[in-house]
Every structure is written in C-alpha cells, then in structure tokens.
Amino acid sequence: MEIILSIPEPYRIVFNLFHIEGLKHEEIAQMLKIDAGSSRTRLHRARNLIRKELVKRAKEIQNAKFMQP
C-alpha cells in the first residue's frame, strides 16, 4: 500500500479505479474526463512505477540478507 500511495496522484487514481474498483477504461475516462487511451497510459505508467519500486525493495532485502553474518 505504501508503494501505491507513493506514485503520482493521476496514476494512483486510475490504478485504484481499474484494479480495486474494477472499472473499465471507458468508465474511468468518462469519470475523469480524459480519453480512454490516457487511462490506459496512466495505468501502464502506474504499474511500471510500482514494479520498479518493488524490484528496488526486493534487491534491498536480498542484499540485507546476504550481508547478515
């Protein structure tokens, strides 16, 4: 949840509406007054930001385990 909250609001809103609320891109677009393509783009960017942060944190955890005696 911390990672999701850390991404920029426009991406977070679309991410939540799509994945949590289960809305389709056309519904999100109408609600936010954007194109459906913009909704798709924002979702894609949100996923990429979340993925990058998850990979970063996983590497940090792995490094911490490796460094333990």
PDB file of N, CA and C in Angstrom:
ATOM      1  N   MET A   1       0.826  -1.192   0.000  1.00  0.00           N
ATOM      2  CA  MET A   1       0.000   0.000   0.000  1.00  0.00           C
ATOM      3  C   MET A   1       0.873   1.259   0.000  1.00  0.00           C
ATOM      4  N   GLU A   2       1.965   1.201   0.725  1.00  0.00           N
ATOM      5  CA  GLU A   2       2.880   2.338   0.799  1.00  0.00           C
ATOM      6  C   GLU A   2       3.390   2.725  -0.595  1.00  0.00           C
ATOM      7  N   ILE A   3       3.696   1.730  -1.396  1.00  0.00           N
ATOM      8  CA  ILE A   3       4.198   1.995  -2.747  1.00  0.00           C
ATOM      9  C   ILE A   3       3.114   2.629  -3.603  1.00  0.00           C
ATOM     10  N   ILE A   4       1.921   2.108  -3.527  1.00  0.00           N
ATOM     11  CA  ILE A   4       0.810   2.666  -4.313  1.00  0.00           C
ATOM     12  C   ILE A   4       0.572   4.121  -3.918  1.00  0.00           C
ATOM     13  N   LEU A   5       0.613   4.392  -2.639  1.00  0.00           N
ATOM     14  CA  LEU A   5       0.400   5.764  -2.172  1.00  0.00           C
ATOM     15  C   LEU A   5       1.521   6.706  -2.590  1.00  0.00           C
ATOM     16  N   SER A   6       2.674   6.156  -2.925  1.00  0.00           N
ATOM     17  CA  SER A   6       3.819   6.996  -3.285  1.00  0.00           C
ATOM     18  C   SER A   6       3.827   7.427  -4.749  1.00  0.00           C
ATOM     19  N   ILE A   7       3.018   6.796  -5.592  1.00  0.00           N
ATOM     20  CA  ILE A   7       3.040   7.176  -7.008  1.00  0.00           C
ATOM     21  C   ILE A   7       2.196   8.434  -7.211  1.00  0.00           C
ATOM     22  N   PRO A   8       2.465   9.182  -8.282  1.00  0.00           N
ATOM     23  CA  PRO A   8       1.721  10.424  -8.520  1.00  0.00           C
ATOM     24  C   PRO A   8       0.204  10.190  -8.596  1.00  0.00           C
ATOM     25  N   GLU A   9      -0.521  11.141  -8.092  1.00  0.00           N
ATOM     26  CA  GLU A   9      -1.976  11.015  -7.956  1.00  0.00           C
ATOM     27  C   GLU A   9      -2.703  10.612  -9.240  1.00  0.00           C
ATOM     28  N   PRO A  10      -2.416  11.214 -10.405  1.00  0.00           N
ATOM     29  CA  PRO A  10      -3.164  10.799 -11.605  1.00  0.00           C
ATOM     30  C   PRO A  10      -3.006   9.313 -11.919  1.00  0.00           C
ATOM     31  N   TYR A  11      -1.824   8.775 -11.682  1.00  0.00           N
ATOM     32  CA  TYR A  11      -1.588   7.346 -11.926  1.00  0.00           C
ATOM     33  C   TYR A  11      -2.266   6.500 -10.854  1.00  0.00           C
ATOM     34  N   ARG A  12      -2.165   6.953  -9.617  1.00  0.00           N
ATOM     35  CA  ARG A  12      -2.755   6.222  -8.494  1.00  0.00           C
ATOM     36  C   ARG A  12      -4.272   6.130  -8.631  1.00  0.00           C
ATOM     37  N   ILE A  13      -4.901   7.207  -9.043  1.00  0.00           N
ATOM     38  CA  ILE A  13      -6.360   7.206  -9.181  1.00  0.00           C
ATOM     39  C   ILE A  13      -6.790   6.176 -10.219  1.00  0.00           C
ATOM     40  N   VAL A  14      -6.150   6.195 -11.383  1.00  0.00           N
ATOM     41  CA  VAL A  14      -6.504   5.237 -12.434  1.00  0.00           C
ATOM     42  C   VAL A  14      -6.203   3.812 -11.974  1.00  0.00           C
ATOM     43  N   PHE A  15      -5.062   3.611 -11.332  1.00  0.00           N
ATOM     44  CA  PHE A  15      -4.705   2.281 -10.825  1.00  0.00           C
ATOM     45  C   PHE A  15      -5.797   1.765  -9.887  1.00  0.00           C
ATOM     46  N   ASN A  16      -6.207   2.593  -8.947  1.00  0.00           N
ATOM     47  CA  ASN A  16      -7.231   2.186  -7.979  1.00  0.00           C
ATOM     48  C   ASN A  16      -8.583   1.934  -8.642  1.00  0.00           C
ATOM     49  N   LEU A  17      -8.977   2.811  -9.550  1.00  0.00           N
ATOM     50  CA  LEU A  17     -10.263   2.625 -10.213  1.00  0.00           C
ATOM     51  C   LEU A  17     -10.274   1.351 -11.051  1.00  0.00           C
ATOM     52  N   PHE A  18      -9.170   1.044 -11.686  1.00  0.00           N
ATOM     53  CA  PHE A  18      -9.103  -0.139 -12.543  1.00  0.00           C
ATOM     54  C   PHE A  18      -8.979  -1.419 -11.721  1.00  0.00           C
ATOM     55  N   HIS A  19      -7.999  -1.461 -10.820  1.00  0.00           N
ATOM     56  CA  HIS A  19      -7.711  -2.707 -10.111  1.00  0.00           C
ATOM     57  C   HIS A  19      -8.561  -2.928  -8.863  1.00  0.00           C
ATOM     58  N   ILE A  20      -8.894  -1.887  -8.161  1.00  0.00           N
ATOM     59  CA  ILE A  20      -9.638  -2.056  -6.916  1.00  0.00           C
ATOM     60  C   ILE A  20     -11.142  -1.938  -7.145  1.00  0.00           C
ATOM     61  N   GLU A  21     -11.532  -0.922  -7.915  1.00  0.00           N
ATOM     62  CA  GLU A  21     -12.961  -0.724  -8.174  1.00  0.00           C
ATOM     63  C   GLU A  21     -13.473  -1.581  -9.329  1.00  0.00           C
ATOM     64  N   GLY A  22     -12.556  -2.058 -10.169  1.00  0.00           N
ATOM     65  CA  GLY A  22     -12.954  -2.928 -11.277  1.00  0.00           C
ATOM     66  C   GLY A  22     -13.595  -2.222 -12.454  1.00  0.00           C
ATOM     67  N   LEU A  23     -13.324  -0.929 -12.589  1.00  0.00           N
ATOM     68  CA  LEU A  23     -13.903  -0.179 -13.701  1.00  0.00           C
ATOM     69  C   LEU A  23     -13.117  -0.426 -14.985  1.00  0.00           C
ATOM     70  N   LYS A  24     -13.790  -0.247 -16.115  1.00  0.00           N
ATOM     71  CA  LYS A  24     -13.141  -0.355 -17.421  1.00  0.00           C
ATOM     72  C   LYS A  24     -12.573   1.014 -17.793  1.00  0.00           C
ATOM     73  N   HIS A  25     -11.651   1.008 -18.738  1.00  0.00           N
ATOM     74  CA  HIS A  25     -11.001   2.257 -19.124  1.00  0.00           C
ATOM     75  C   HIS A  25     -12.002   3.299 -19.626  1.00  0.00           C
ATOM     76  N   GLU A  26     -13.023   2.855 -20.317  1.00  0.00           N
ATOM     77  CA  GLU A  26     -14.033   3.796 -20.819  1.00  0.00           C
ATOM     78  C   GLU A  26     -14.769   4.468 -19.665  1.00  0.00           C
ATOM     79  N   GLU A  27     -15.054   3.706 -18.603  1.00  0.00           N
ATOM     80  CA  GLU A  27     -15.729   4.258 -17.430  1.00  0.00           C
ATOM     81  C   GLU A  27     -14.810   5.229 -16.679  1.00  0.00           C
ATOM     82  N   ILE A  28     -13.563   4.854 -16.556  1.00  0.00           N
ATOM     83  CA  ILE A  28     -12.588   5.718 -15.882  1.00  0.00           C
ATOM     84  C   ILE A  28     -12.430   7.018 -16.659  1.00  0.00           C
ATOM     85  N   ALA A  29     -12.316   6.898 -17.968  1.00  0.00           N
ATOM     86  CA  ALA A  29     -12.145   8.077 -18.820  1.00  0.00           C
ATOM     87  C   ALA A  29     -13.320   9.038 -18.669  1.00  0.00           C
ATOM     88  N   GLN A  30     -14.507   8.496 -18.688  1.00  0.00           N
ATOM     89  CA  GLN A  30     -15.696   9.335 -18.543  1.00  0.00           C
ATOM     90  C   GLN A  30     -15.717  10.007 -17.170  1.00  0.00           C
ATOM     91  N   MET A  31     -15.388   9.255 -16.136  1.00  0.00           N
ATOM     92  CA  MET A  31     -15.399   9.780 -14.776  1.00  0.00           C
ATOM     93  C   MET A  31     -14.368  10.896 -14.594  1.00  0.00           C
ATOM     94  N   LEU A  32     -13.174  10.710 -15.182  1.00  0.00           N
ATOM     95  CA  LEU A  32     -12.087  11.669 -15.008  1.00  0.00           C
ATOM     96  C   LEU A  32     -12.014  12.712 -16.118  1.00  0.00           C
ATOM     97  N   LYS A  33     -12.904  12.569 -17.097  1.00  0.00           N
ATOM     98  CA  LYS A  33     -12.940  13.489 -18.241  1.00  0.00           C
ATOM     99  C   LYS A  33     -11.607  13.481 -19.003  1.00  0.00           C
ATOM    100  N   ILE A  34     -11.149  12.255 -19.305  1.00  0.00           N
ATOM    101  CA  ILE A  34      -9.945  12.055 -20.104  1.00  0.00           C
ATOM    102  C   ILE A  34     -10.273  11.030 -21.186  1.00  0.00           C
ATOM    103  N   ASP A  35      -9.366  10.831 -22.120  1.00  0.00           N
ATOM    104  CA  ASP A  35      -9.545   9.800 -23.140  1.00  0.00           C
ATOM    105  C   ASP A  35      -9.299   8.431 -22.526  1.00  0.00           C
ATOM    106  N   ALA A  36      -9.924   7.407 -23.103  1.00  0.00           N
ATOM    107  CA  ALA A  36      -9.682   6.041 -22.650  1.00  0.00           C
ATOM    108  C   ALA A  36      -8.210   5.685 -22.843  1.00  0.00           C
ATOM    109  N   GLY A  37      -7.600   6.205 -23.905  1.00  0.00           N
ATOM    110  CA  GLY A  37      -6.176   5.971 -24.138  1.00  0.00           C
ATOM    111  C   GLY A  37      -5.316   6.564 -23.031  1.00  0.00           C
ATOM    112  N   SER A  38      -5.719   7.708 -22.520  1.00  0.00           N
ATOM    113  CA  SER A  38      -4.990   8.326 -21.403  1.00  0.00           C
ATOM    114  C   SER A  38      -5.118   7.480 -20.147  1.00  0.00           C
ATOM    115  N   SER A  39      -6.281   6.882 -19.964  1.00  0.00           N
ATOM    116  CA  SER A  39      -6.481   5.987 -18.829  1.00  0.00           C
ATOM    117  C   SER A  39      -5.541   4.789 -18.937  1.00  0.00           C
ATOM    118  N   ARG A  40      -5.454   4.228 -20.117  1.00  0.00           N
ATOM    119  CA  ARG A  40      -4.556   3.084 -20.335  1.00  0.00           C
ATOM    120  C   ARG A  40      -3.093   3.472 -20.092  1.00  0.00           C
ATOM    121  N   THR A  41      -2.722   4.644 -20.589  1.00  0.00           N
ATOM    122  CA  THR A  41      -1.349   5.122 -20.408  1.00  0.00           C
ATOM    123  C   THR A  41      -1.031   5.333 -18.932  1.00  0.00           C
ATOM    124  N   ARG A  42      -1.944   5.946 -18.224  1.00  0.00           N
ATOM    125  CA  ARG A  42      -1.717   6.185 -16.789  1.00  0.00           C
ATOM    126  C   ARG A  42      -1.615   4.878 -16.019  1.00  0.00           C
ATOM    127  N   LEU A  43      -2.440   3.891 -16.383  1.00  0.00           N
ATOM    128  CA  LEU A  43      -2.368   2.600 -15.723  1.00  0.00           C
ATOM    129  C   LEU A  43      -1.018   1.936 -16.009  1.00  0.00           C
ATOM    130  N   HIS A  44      -0.583   2.000 -17.253  1.00  0.00           N
ATOM    131  CA  HIS A  44       0.702   1.421 -17.637  1.00  0.00           C
ATOM    132  C   HIS A  44       1.842   2.074 -16.853  1.00  0.00           C
ATOM    133  N   ARG A  45       1.820   3.382 -16.757  1.00  0.00           N
ATOM    134  CA  ARG A  45       2.867   4.095 -16.019  1.00  0.00           C
ATOM    135  C   ARG A  45       2.811   3.780 -14.526  1.00  0.00           C
ATOM    136  N   ALA A  46       1.599   3.677 -13.987  1.00  0.00           N
ATOM    137  CA  ALA A  46       1.453   3.324 -12.566  1.00  0.00           C
ATOM    138  C   ALA A  46       2.057   1.954 -12.300  1.00  0.00           C
ATOM    139  N   ARG A  47       1.738   0.990 -13.160  1.00  0.00           N
ATOM    140  CA  ARG A  47       2.289  -0.361 -12.991  1.00  0.00           C
ATOM    141  C   ARG A  47       3.808  -0.354 -13.069  1.00  0.00           C
ATOM    142  N   ASN A  48       4.349   0.416 -14.003  1.00  0.00           N
ATOM    143  CA  ASN A  48       5.808   0.477 -14.134  1.00  0.00           C
ATOM    144  C   ASN A  48       6.459   1.079 -12.896  1.00  0.00           C
ATOM    145  N   LEU A  49       5.879   2.145 -12.371  1.00  0.00           N
ATOM    146  CA  LEU A  49       6.426   2.765 -11.161  1.00  0.00           C
ATOM    147  C   LEU A  49       6.362   1.806  -9.970  1.00  0.00           C
ATOM    148  N   ILE A  50       5.249   1.107  -9.846  1.00  0.00           N
ATOM    149  CA  ILE A  50       5.086   0.147  -8.758  1.00  0.00           C
ATOM    150  C   ILE A  50       6.082  -0.996  -8.917  1.00  0.00           C
ATOM    151  N   ARG A  51       6.202  -1.503 -10.138  1.00  0.00           N
ATOM    152  CA  ARG A  51       7.141  -2.597 -10.416  1.00  0.00           C
ATOM    153  C   ARG A  51       8.577  -2.203 -10.078  1.00  0.00           C
ATOM    154  N   LYS A  52       8.983  -1.004 -10.507  1.00  0.00           N
ATOM    155  CA  LYS A  52      10.345  -0.537 -10.231  1.00  0.00           C
ATOM    156  C   LYS A  52      10.611  -0.454  -8.739  1.00  0.00           C
ATOM    157  N   GLU A  53       9.651   0.050  -7.993  1.00  0.00           N
ATOM    158  CA  GLU A  53       9.835   0.177  -6.544  1.00  0.00           C
ATOM    159  C   GLU A  53       9.862  -1.198  -5.875  1.00  0.00           C
ATOM    160  N   LEU A  54       9.043  -2.119  -6.339  1.00  0.00           N
ATOM    161  CA  LEU A  54       9.051  -3.467  -5.780  1.00  0.00           C
ATOM    162  C   LEU A  54      10.387  -4.160  -6.041  1.00  0.00           C
ATOM    163  N   VAL A  55      10.914  -4.005  -7.249  1.00  0.00           N
ATOM    164  CA  VAL A  55      12.215  -4.594  -7.588  1.00  0.00           C
ATOM    165  C   VAL A  55      13.302  -3.976  -6.718  1.00  0.00           C
ATOM    166  N   LYS A  56      13.266  -2.669  -6.565  1.00  0.00           N
ATOM    167  CA  LYS A  56      14.251  -1.973  -5.732  1.00  0.00           C
ATOM    168  C   LYS A  56      14.218  -2.493  -4.300  1.00  0.00           C
ATOM    169  N   ARG A  57      13.027  -2.619  -3.751  1.00  0.00           N
ATOM    170  CA  ARG A  57      12.899  -3.091  -2.369  1.00  0.00           C
ATOM    171  C   ARG A  57      13.300  -4.551  -2.236  1.00  0.00           C
ATOM    172  N   ALA A  58      12.981  -5.363  -3.226  1.00  0.00           N
ATOM    173  CA  ALA A  58      13.378  -6.771  -3.189  1.00  0.00           C
ATOM    174  C   ALA A  58      14.895  -6.896  -3.200  1.00  0.00           C
ATOM    175  N   LYS A  59      15.556  -6.068  -4.002  1.00  0.00           N
ATOM    176  CA  LYS A  59      17.025  -6.088  -4.037  1.00  0.00           C
ATOM    177  C   LYS A  59      17.601  -5.650  -2.703  1.00  0.00           C
ATOM    178  N   GLU A  60      16.999  -4.651  -2.085  1.00  0.00           N
ATOM    179  CA  GLU A  60      17.465  -4.186  -0.775  1.00  0.00           C
ATOM    180  C   GLU A  60      17.333  -5.293   0.264  1.00  0.00           C
ATOM    181  N   ILE A  61      16.229  -6.018   0.231  1.00  0.00           N
ATOM    182  CA  ILE A  61      16.015  -7.116   1.175  1.00  0.00           C
ATOM    183  C   ILE A  61      17.028  -8.226   0.911  1.00  0.00           C
ATOM    184  N   GLN A  62      17.222  -8.542  -0.359  1.00  0.00           N
ATOM    185  CA  GLN A  62      18.179  -9.579  -0.716  1.00  0.00           C
ATOM    186  C   GLN A  62      19.590  -9.206  -0.271  1.00  0.00           C
ATOM    187  N   ASN A  63      19.969  -7.968  -0.491  1.00  0.00           N
ATOM    188  CA  ASN A  63      21.301  -7.504  -0.066  1.00  0.00           C
ATOM    189  C   ASN A  63      21.438  -7.541   1.442  1.00  0.00           C
ATOM    190  N   ALA A  64      20.391  -7.179   2.156  1.00  0.00           N
ATOM    191  CA  ALA A  64      20.436  -7.196   3.615  1.00  0.00           C
ATOM    192  C   ALA A  64      20.613  -8.622   4.125  1.00  0.00           C
ATOM    193  N   LYS A  65      19.920  -9.587   3.505  1.00  0.00           N
ATOM    194  CA  LYS A  65      20.068 -10.989   3.901  1.00  0.00           C
ATOM    195  C   LYS A  65      21.459 -11.509   3.590  1.00  0.00           C
ATOM    196  N   PHE A  66      22.001 -11.099   2.475  1.00  0.00           N
ATOM    197  CA  PHE A  66      23.335 -11.534   2.064  1.00  0.00           C
ATOM    198  C   PHE A  66      24.407 -11.004   2.996  1.00  0.00           C
ATOM    199  N   MET A  67      24.196  -9.809   3.509  1.00  0.00           N
ATOM    200  CA  MET A  67      25.193  -9.167   4.358  1.00  0.00           C
ATOM    201  C   MET A  67      25.134  -9.641   5.799  1.00  0.00           C
ATOM    202  N   GLN A  68      24.064 -10.336   6.209  1.00  0.00           N
ATOM    203  CA  GLN A  68      23.952 -10.804   7.592  1.00  0.00           C
ATOM    204  C   GLN A  68      24.984 -11.909   7.848  1.00  0.00           C
ATOM    205  N   PRO A  69      25.538 -11.932   9.084  1.00  0.00           N
ATOM    206  CA  PRO A  69      26.523 -12.978   9.425  1.00  0.00           C
ATOM    207  C   PRO A  69      25.884 -14.337   9.578  1.00  0.00           C
TER     208      PRO A  69
END
